[in-house]
Amino acid sequence: RRTDQIEYEAIMDRNEAVFYEQYEAHMMAQEEERAAAASAATTSVAAANAGTPEFTFSELGLEDPATFNNFMNQYPPADG
């Protein structure tokens, strides 16, 4: 019976050690994911706040931005 108790305790100790190894690896992976997500969010916010347009007027075929009639404008300029 004493041998069984010693063997049981050894198995339980090993199971506990494996559990904590796996738990630590899991927590580290989650922290890395959080850090990567935070970094990506910071990068995308910085890019959004950079003030660089996605297209220039010339890329859209509008050499003179003043001639572009904004469809949101309630009072569009009169033609001619």
PDB file of N, CA and C in Angstrom:
ATOM      1  N   ARG A   1       0.800  -1.203   0.000  1.00  0.00           N
ATOM      2  CA  ARG A   1       0.000   0.000   0.000  1.00  0.00           C
ATOM      3  C   ARG A   1       0.842   1.267   0.000  1.00  0.00           C
ATOM      4  N   ARG A   2       1.929   1.270   0.719  1.00  0.00           N
ATOM      5  CA  ARG A   2       2.808   2.447   0.768  1.00  0.00           C
ATOM      6  C   ARG A   2       3.393   2.720  -0.612  1.00  0.00           C
ATOM      7  N   THR A   3       3.730   1.681  -1.337  1.00  0.00           N
ATOM      8  CA  THR A   3       4.280   1.825  -2.679  1.00  0.00           C
ATOM      9  C   THR A   3       3.250   2.464  -3.604  1.00  0.00           C
ATOM     10  N   ASP A   4       1.999   2.027  -3.481  1.00  0.00           N
ATOM     11  CA  ASP A   4       0.928   2.601  -4.300  1.00  0.00           C
ATOM     12  C   ASP A   4       0.751   4.093  -4.007  1.00  0.00           C
ATOM     13  N   GLN A   5       0.829   4.443  -2.731  1.00  0.00           N
ATOM     14  CA  GLN A   5       0.679   5.848  -2.341  1.00  0.00           C
ATOM     15  C   GLN A   5       1.809   6.694  -2.916  1.00  0.00           C
ATOM     16  N   ILE A   6       3.026   6.195  -2.865  1.00  0.00           N
ATOM     17  CA  ILE A   6       4.182   6.918  -3.409  1.00  0.00           C
ATOM     18  C   ILE A   6       4.038   7.075  -4.916  1.00  0.00           C
ATOM     19  N   GLU A   7       3.622   5.998  -5.586  1.00  0.00           N
ATOM     20  CA  GLU A   7       3.442   6.053  -7.037  1.00  0.00           C
ATOM     21  C   GLU A   7       2.334   7.049  -7.405  1.00  0.00           C
ATOM     22  N   TYR A   8       1.235   7.005  -6.657  1.00  0.00           N
ATOM     23  CA  TYR A   8       0.124   7.927  -6.894  1.00  0.00           C
ATOM     24  C   TYR A   8       0.581   9.380  -6.739  1.00  0.00           C
ATOM     25  N   GLU A   9       1.310   9.674  -5.679  1.00  0.00           N
ATOM     26  CA  GLU A   9       1.786  11.040  -5.445  1.00  0.00           C
ATOM     27  C   GLU A   9       2.745  11.490  -6.541  1.00  0.00           C
ATOM     28  N   ALA A  10       3.582  10.574  -7.025  1.00  0.00           N
ATOM     29  CA  ALA A  10       4.507  10.914  -8.108  1.00  0.00           C
ATOM     30  C   ALA A  10       3.734  11.249  -9.381  1.00  0.00           C
ATOM     31  N   ILE A  11       2.706  10.466  -9.671  1.00  0.00           N
ATOM     32  CA  ILE A  11       1.883  10.721 -10.857  1.00  0.00           C
ATOM     33  C   ILE A  11       1.166  12.064 -10.727  1.00  0.00           C
ATOM     34  N   MET A  12       0.602  12.331  -9.561  1.00  0.00           N
ATOM     35  CA  MET A  12      -0.105  13.596  -9.348  1.00  0.00           C
ATOM     36  C   MET A  12       0.849  14.785  -9.430  1.00  0.00           C
ATOM     37  N   ASP A  13       2.041  14.637  -8.884  1.00  0.00           N
ATOM     38  CA  ASP A  13       3.036  15.716  -8.968  1.00  0.00           C
ATOM     39  C   ASP A  13       3.407  15.991 -10.417  1.00  0.00           C
ATOM     40  N   ARG A  14       3.590  14.924 -11.191  1.00  0.00           N
ATOM     41  CA  ARG A  14       3.941  15.088 -12.602  1.00  0.00           C
ATOM     42  C   ARG A  14       2.782  15.739 -13.362  1.00  0.00           C
ATOM     43  N   ASN A  15       1.557  15.299 -13.083  1.00  0.00           N
ATOM     44  CA  ASN A  15       0.393  15.900 -13.743  1.00  0.00           C
ATOM     45  C   ASN A  15       0.296  17.387 -13.428  1.00  0.00           C
ATOM     46  N   GLU A  16       0.559  17.744 -12.183  1.00  0.00           N
ATOM     47  CA  GLU A  16       0.513  19.149 -11.790  1.00  0.00           C
ATOM     48  C   GLU A  16       1.594  19.948 -12.518  1.00  0.00           C
ATOM     49  N   ALA A  17       2.787  19.375 -12.620  1.00  0.00           N
ATOM     50  CA  ALA A  17       3.880  20.058 -13.312  1.00  0.00           C
ATOM     51  C   ALA A  17       3.541  20.259 -14.788  1.00  0.00           C
ATOM     52  N   VAL A  18       2.982  19.241 -15.427  1.00  0.00           N
ATOM     53  CA  VAL A  18       2.602  19.340 -16.837  1.00  0.00           C
ATOM     54  C   VAL A  18       1.507  20.391 -17.009  1.00  0.00           C
ATOM     55  N   PHE A  19       0.532  20.377 -16.088  1.00  0.00           N
ATOM     56  CA  PHE A  19      -0.547  21.365 -16.159  1.00  0.00           C
ATOM     57  C   PHE A  19       0.016  22.775 -16.127  1.00  0.00           C
ATOM     58  N   TYR A  20       0.909  23.059 -15.185  1.00  0.00           N
ATOM     59  CA  TYR A  20       1.439  24.413 -15.069  1.00  0.00           C
ATOM     60  C   TYR A  20       2.337  24.789 -16.247  1.00  0.00           C
ATOM     61  N   GLU A  21       3.042  23.820 -16.813  1.00  0.00           N
ATOM     62  CA  GLU A  21       3.839  24.094 -18.020  1.00  0.00           C
ATOM     63  C   GLU A  21       2.918  24.498 -19.172  1.00  0.00           C
ATOM     64  N   GLN A  22       1.848  23.725 -19.351  1.00  0.00           N
ATOM     65  CA  GLN A  22       0.911  24.016 -20.434  1.00  0.00           C
ATOM     66  C   GLN A  22       0.163  25.326 -20.186  1.00  0.00           C
ATOM     67  N   TYR A  23      -0.205  25.570 -18.933  1.00  0.00           N
ATOM     68  CA  TYR A  23      -0.901  26.807 -18.587  1.00  0.00           C
ATOM     69  C   TYR A  23      -0.006  28.009 -18.848  1.00  0.00           C
ATOM     70  N   GLU A  24       1.255  27.911 -18.470  1.00  0.00           N
ATOM     71  CA  GLU A  24       2.192  29.011 -18.708  1.00  0.00           C
ATOM     72  C   GLU A  24       2.360  29.269 -20.209  1.00  0.00           C
ATOM     73  N   ALA A  25       2.491  28.198 -20.990  1.00  0.00           N
ATOM     74  CA  ALA A  25       2.626  28.351 -22.441  1.00  0.00           C
ATOM     75  C   ALA A  25       1.369  29.001 -23.029  1.00  0.00           C
ATOM     76  N   HIS A  26       0.210  28.584 -22.534  1.00  0.00           N
ATOM     77  CA  HIS A  26      -1.056  29.154 -23.008  1.00  0.00           C
ATOM     78  C   HIS A  26      -1.140  30.642 -22.670  1.00  0.00           C
ATOM     79  N   MET A  27      -0.793  31.005 -21.459  1.00  0.00           N
ATOM     80  CA  MET A  27      -0.862  32.409 -21.044  1.00  0.00           C
ATOM     81  C   MET A  27       0.140  33.262 -21.827  1.00  0.00           C
ATOM     82  N   MET A  28       1.320  32.728 -22.083  1.00  0.00           N
ATOM     83  CA  MET A  28       2.310  33.471 -22.864  1.00  0.00           C
ATOM     84  C   MET A  28       1.812  33.681 -24.295  1.00  0.00           C
ATOM     85  N   ALA A  29       1.195  32.654 -24.877  1.00  0.00           N
ATOM     86  CA  ALA A  29       0.663  32.778 -26.238  1.00  0.00           C
ATOM     87  C   ALA A  29      -0.447  33.829 -26.283  1.00  0.00           C
ATOM     88  N   GLN A  30      -1.306  33.839 -25.266  1.00  0.00           N
ATOM     89  CA  GLN A  30      -2.366  34.852 -25.221  1.00  0.00           C
ATOM     90  C   GLN A  30      -1.777  36.249 -25.101  1.00  0.00           C
ATOM     91  N   GLU A  31      -0.748  36.399 -24.274  1.00  0.00           N
ATOM     92  CA  GLU A  31      -0.118  37.710 -24.103  1.00  0.00           C
ATOM     93  C   GLU A  31       0.528  38.173 -25.410  1.00  0.00           C
ATOM     94  N   GLU A  32       1.153  37.237 -26.134  1.00  0.00           N
ATOM     95  CA  GLU A  32       1.747  37.584 -27.427  1.00  0.00           C
ATOM     96  C   GLU A  32       0.664  38.012 -28.420  1.00  0.00           C
ATOM     97  N   GLU A  33      -0.482  37.312 -28.404  1.00  0.00           N
ATOM     98  CA  GLU A  33      -1.589  37.683 -29.289  1.00  0.00           C
ATOM     99  C   GLU A  33      -2.109  39.077 -28.941  1.00  0.00           C
ATOM    100  N   ARG A  34      -2.253  39.347 -27.636  1.00  0.00           N
ATOM    101  CA  ARG A  34      -2.717  40.674 -27.213  1.00  0.00           C
ATOM    102  C   ARG A  34      -1.737  41.752 -27.650  1.00  0.00           C
ATOM    103  N   ALA A  35      -0.442  41.479 -27.472  1.00  0.00           N
ATOM    104  CA  ALA A  35       0.578  42.458 -27.855  1.00  0.00           C
ATOM    105  C   ALA A  35       0.550  42.696 -29.361  1.00  0.00           C
ATOM    106  N   ALA A  36       0.393  41.613 -30.138  1.00  0.00           N
ATOM    107  CA  ALA A  36       0.339  41.754 -31.595  1.00  0.00           C
ATOM    108  C   ALA A  36      -0.906  42.539 -32.010  1.00  0.00           C
ATOM    109  N   ALA A  37      -2.038  42.256 -31.372  1.00  0.00           N
ATOM    110  CA  ALA A  37      -3.273  42.980 -31.697  1.00  0.00           C
ATOM    111  C   ALA A  37      -3.145  44.456 -31.334  1.00  0.00           C
ATOM    112  N   ALA A  38      -2.541  44.733 -30.187  1.00  0.00           N
ATOM    113  CA  ALA A  38      -2.357  46.129 -29.775  1.00  0.00           C
ATOM    114  C   ALA A  38      -1.420  46.851 -30.732  1.00  0.00           C
ATOM    115  N   SER A  39      -0.384  46.145 -31.160  1.00  0.00           N
ATOM    116  CA  SER A  39       0.572  46.741 -32.099  1.00  0.00           C
ATOM    117  C   SER A  39      -0.103  47.020 -33.438  1.00  0.00           C
ATOM    118  N   ALA A  40      -0.907  46.072 -33.906  1.00  0.00           N
ATOM    119  CA  ALA A  40      -1.614  46.253 -35.177  1.00  0.00           C
ATOM    120  C   ALA A  40      -2.616  47.397 -35.072  1.00  0.00           C
ATOM    121  N   ALA A  41      -3.302  47.486 -33.934  1.00  0.00           N
ATOM    122  CA  ALA A  41      -4.270  48.571 -33.746  1.00  0.00           C
ATOM    123  C   ALA A  41      -3.564  49.913 -33.717  1.00  0.00           C
ATOM    124  N   THR A  42      -2.431  49.972 -33.048  1.00  0.00           N
ATOM    125  CA  THR A  42      -1.665  51.219 -32.980  1.00  0.00           C
ATOM    126  C   THR A  42      -1.186  51.616 -34.365  1.00  0.00           C
ATOM    127  N   THR A  43      -0.720  50.629 -35.133  1.00  0.00           N
ATOM    128  CA  THR A  43      -0.238  50.899 -36.482  1.00  0.00           C
ATOM    129  C   THR A  43      -1.368  51.397 -37.375  1.00  0.00           C
ATOM    130  N   SER A  44      -2.537  50.744 -37.295  1.00  0.00           N
ATOM    131  CA  SER A  44      -3.647  51.160 -38.154  1.00  0.00           C
ATOM    132  C   SER A  44      -4.182  52.527 -37.741  1.00  0.00           C
ATOM    133  N   VAL A  45      -4.196  52.824 -36.450  1.00  0.00           N
ATOM    134  CA  VAL A  45      -4.639  54.147 -35.997  1.00  0.00           C
ATOM    135  C   VAL A  45      -3.655  55.198 -36.471  1.00  0.00           C
ATOM    136  N   ALA A  46      -2.365  54.889 -36.366  1.00  0.00           N
ATOM    137  CA  ALA A  46      -1.345  55.838 -36.826  1.00  0.00           C
ATOM    138  C   ALA A  46      -1.480  56.077 -38.328  1.00  0.00           C
ATOM    139  N   ALA A  47      -1.742  55.012 -39.073  1.00  0.00           N
ATOM    140  CA  ALA A  47      -1.898  55.160 -40.523  1.00  0.00           C
ATOM    141  C   ALA A  47      -3.154  55.972 -40.845  1.00  0.00           C
ATOM    142  N   ALA A  48      -4.217  55.728 -40.096  1.00  0.00           N
ATOM    143  CA  ALA A  48      -5.457  56.468 -40.343  1.00  0.00           C
ATOM    144  C   ALA A  48      -5.302  57.943 -39.994  1.00  0.00           C
ATOM    145  N   ASN A  49      -4.486  58.218 -39.006  1.00  0.00           N
ATOM    146  CA  ASN A  49      -4.297  59.604 -38.581  1.00  0.00           C
ATOM    147  C   ASN A  49      -3.162  60.301 -39.315  1.00  0.00           C
ATOM    148  N   ALA A  50      -2.537  59.612 -40.234  1.00  0.00           N
ATOM    149  CA  ALA A  50      -1.382  60.189 -40.924  1.00  0.00           C
ATOM    150  C   ALA A  50      -1.795  61.322 -41.853  1.00  0.00           C
ATOM    151  N   GLY A  51      -3.045  61.363 -42.249  1.00  0.00           N
ATOM    152  CA  GLY A  51      -3.519  62.440 -43.099  1.00  0.00           C
ATOM    153  C   GLY A  51      -3.211  62.241 -44.567  1.00  0.00           C
ATOM    154  N   THR A  52      -2.767  61.054 -44.937  1.00  0.00           N
ATOM    155  CA  THR A  52      -2.458  60.811 -46.339  1.00  0.00           C
ATOM    156  C   THR A  52      -3.714  60.306 -47.028  1.00  0.00           C
ATOM    157  N   PRO A  53      -4.112  60.939 -48.122  1.00  0.00           N
ATOM    158  CA  PRO A  53      -5.309  60.461 -48.812  1.00  0.00           C
ATOM    159  C   PRO A  53      -5.037  59.112 -49.478  1.00  0.00           C
ATOM    160  N   GLU A  54      -6.088  58.359 -49.640  1.00  0.00           N
ATOM    161  CA  GLU A  54      -5.924  57.081 -50.309  1.00  0.00           C
ATOM    162  C   GLU A  54      -5.744  57.266 -51.804  1.00  0.00           C
ATOM    163  N   PHE A  55      -6.349  58.321 -52.349  1.00  0.00           N
ATOM    164  CA  PHE A  55      -6.212  58.633 -53.766  1.00  0.00           C
ATOM    165  C   PHE A  55      -5.943  60.121 -53.892  1.00  0.00           C
ATOM    166  N   THR A  56      -5.202  60.470 -54.889  1.00  0.00           N
ATOM    167  CA  THR A  56      -5.041  61.895 -55.191  1.00  0.00           C
ATOM    168  C   THR A  56      -6.083  62.264 -56.237  1.00  0.00           C
ATOM    169  N   PHE A  57      -6.363  63.547 -56.377  1.00  0.00           N
ATOM    170  CA  PHE A  57      -7.341  63.976 -57.381  1.00  0.00           C
ATOM    171  C   PHE A  57      -6.902  63.566 -58.785  1.00  0.00           C
ATOM    172  N   SER A  58      -5.603  63.662 -59.066  1.00  0.00           N
ATOM    173  CA  SER A  58      -5.152  63.304 -60.416  1.00  0.00           C
ATOM    174  C   SER A  58      -5.326  61.813 -60.680  1.00  0.00           C
ATOM    175  N   GLU A  59      -5.174  60.976 -59.655  1.00  0.00           N
ATOM    176  CA  GLU A  59      -5.404  59.542 -59.845  1.00  0.00           C
ATOM    177  C   GLU A  59      -6.859  59.259 -60.185  1.00  0.00           C
ATOM    178  N   LEU A  60      -7.745  60.118 -59.724  1.00  0.00           N
ATOM    179  CA  LEU A  60      -9.169  59.952 -60.007  1.00  0.00           C
ATOM    180  C   LEU A  60      -9.597  60.663 -61.285  1.00  0.00           C
ATOM    181  N   GLY A  61      -8.627  61.279 -61.972  1.00  0.00           N
ATOM    182  CA  GLY A  61      -8.937  61.970 -63.210  1.00  0.00           C
ATOM    183  C   GLY A  61      -9.479  63.369 -62.989  1.00  0.00           C
ATOM    184  N   LEU A  62      -9.248  63.915 -61.822  1.00  0.00           N
ATOM    185  CA  LEU A  62      -9.725  65.262 -61.507  1.00  0.00           C
ATOM    186  C   LEU A  62      -8.509  66.153 -61.291  1.00  0.00           C
ATOM    187  N   GLU A  63      -8.077  66.796 -62.348  1.00  0.00           N
ATOM    188  CA  GLU A  63      -6.886  67.637 -62.247  1.00  0.00           C
ATOM    189  C   GLU A  63      -7.133  68.870 -61.390  1.00  0.00           C
ATOM    190  N   ASP A  64      -8.345  69.402 -61.444  1.00  0.00           N
ATOM    191  CA  ASP A  64      -8.672  70.594 -60.666  1.00  0.00           C
ATOM    192  C   ASP A  64      -9.743  70.215 -59.642  1.00  0.00           C
ATOM    193  N   PRO A  65      -9.387  70.100 -58.359  1.00  0.00           N
ATOM    194  CA  PRO A  65     -10.367  69.676 -57.361  1.00  0.00           C
ATOM    195  C   PRO A  65     -11.556  70.624 -57.249  1.00  0.00           C
ATOM    196  N   ALA A  66     -11.394  71.880 -57.611  1.00  0.00           N
ATOM    197  CA  ALA A  66     -12.505  72.836 -57.521  1.00  0.00           C
ATOM    198  C   ALA A  66     -13.627  72.483 -58.484  1.00  0.00           C
ATOM    199  N   THR A  67     -13.321  71.787 -59.575  1.00  0.00           N
ATOM    200  CA  THR A  67     -14.359  71.434 -60.548  1.00  0.00           C
ATOM    201  C   THR A  67     -15.135  70.185 -60.135  1.00  0.00           C
ATOM    202  N   PHE A  68     -14.683  69.527 -59.104  1.00  0.00           N
ATOM    203  CA  PHE A  68     -15.363  68.313 -58.641  1.00  0.00           C
ATOM    204  C   PHE A  68     -16.591  68.711 -57.829  1.00  0.00           C
ATOM    205  N   ASN A  69     -17.750  68.273 -58.257  1.00  0.00           N
ATOM    206  CA  ASN A  69     -18.989  68.585 -57.551  1.00  0.00           C
ATOM    207  C   ASN A  69     -19.220  67.522 -56.484  1.00  0.00           C
ATOM    208  N   ASN A  70     -19.121  67.921 -55.256  1.00  0.00           N
ATOM    209  CA  ASN A  70     -19.338  67.004 -54.145  1.00  0.00           C
ATOM    210  C   ASN A  70     -20.822  66.686 -54.053  1.00  0.00           C
ATOM    211  N   PHE A  71     -21.184  65.418 -54.159  1.00  0.00           N
ATOM    212  CA  PHE A  71     -22.592  65.052 -54.145  1.00  0.00           C
ATOM    213  C   PHE A  71     -23.244  65.340 -52.793  1.00  0.00           C
ATOM    214  N   MET A  72     -22.449  65.553 -51.750  1.00  0.00           N
ATOM    215  CA  MET A  72     -22.993  65.882 -50.440  1.00  0.00           C
ATOM    216  C   MET A  72     -23.303  67.379 -50.313  1.00  0.00           C
ATOM    217  N   ASN A  73     -22.852  68.165 -51.259  1.00  0.00           N
ATOM    218  CA  ASN A  73     -23.058  69.609 -51.217  1.00  0.00           C
ATOM    219  C   ASN A  73     -24.524  69.924 -51.509  1.00  0.00           C
ATOM    220  N   GLN A  74     -25.206  70.586 -50.560  1.00  0.00           N
ATOM    221  CA  GLN A  74     -26.616  70.928 -50.765  1.00  0.00           C
ATOM    222  C   GLN A  74     -26.790  71.962 -51.863  1.00  0.00           C
ATOM    223  N   TYR A  75     -25.804  72.817 -52.021  1.00  0.00           N
ATOM    224  CA  TYR A  75     -25.894  73.912 -52.986  1.00  0.00           C
ATOM    225  C   TYR A  75     -24.786  73.769 -54.020  1.00  0.00           C
ATOM    226  N   PRO A  76     -24.976  72.874 -54.991  1.00  0.00           N
ATOM    227  CA  PRO A  76     -23.917  72.671 -55.984  1.00  0.00           C
ATOM    228  C   PRO A  76     -23.717  73.932 -56.822  1.00  0.00           C
ATOM    229  N   PRO A  77     -22.510  74.109 -57.316  1.00  0.00           N
ATOM    230  CA  PRO A  77     -22.258  75.296 -58.144  1.00  0.00           C
ATOM    231  C   PRO A  77     -23.075  75.229 -59.436  1.00  0.00           C
ATOM    232  N   ALA A  78     -23.513  76.385 -59.877  1.00  0.00           N
ATOM    233  CA  ALA A  78     -24.288  76.451 -61.124  1.00  0.00           C
ATOM    234  C   ALA A  78     -23.356  76.251 -62.303  1.00  0.00           C
ATOM    235  N   ASP A  79     -23.771  75.428 -63.247  1.00  0.00           N
ATOM    236  CA  ASP A  79     -22.948  75.207 -64.447  1.00  0.00           C
ATOM    237  C   ASP A  79     -23.110  76.389 -65.397  1.00  0.00           C
ATOM    238  N   GLY A  80     -21.956  76.830 -65.947  1.00  0.00           N
ATOM    239  CA  GLY A  80     -21.944  77.806 -67.010  1.00  0.00           C
ATOM    240  C   GLY A  80     -22.138  79.163 -66.563  1.00  0.00           C
TER     241      GLY A  80
END
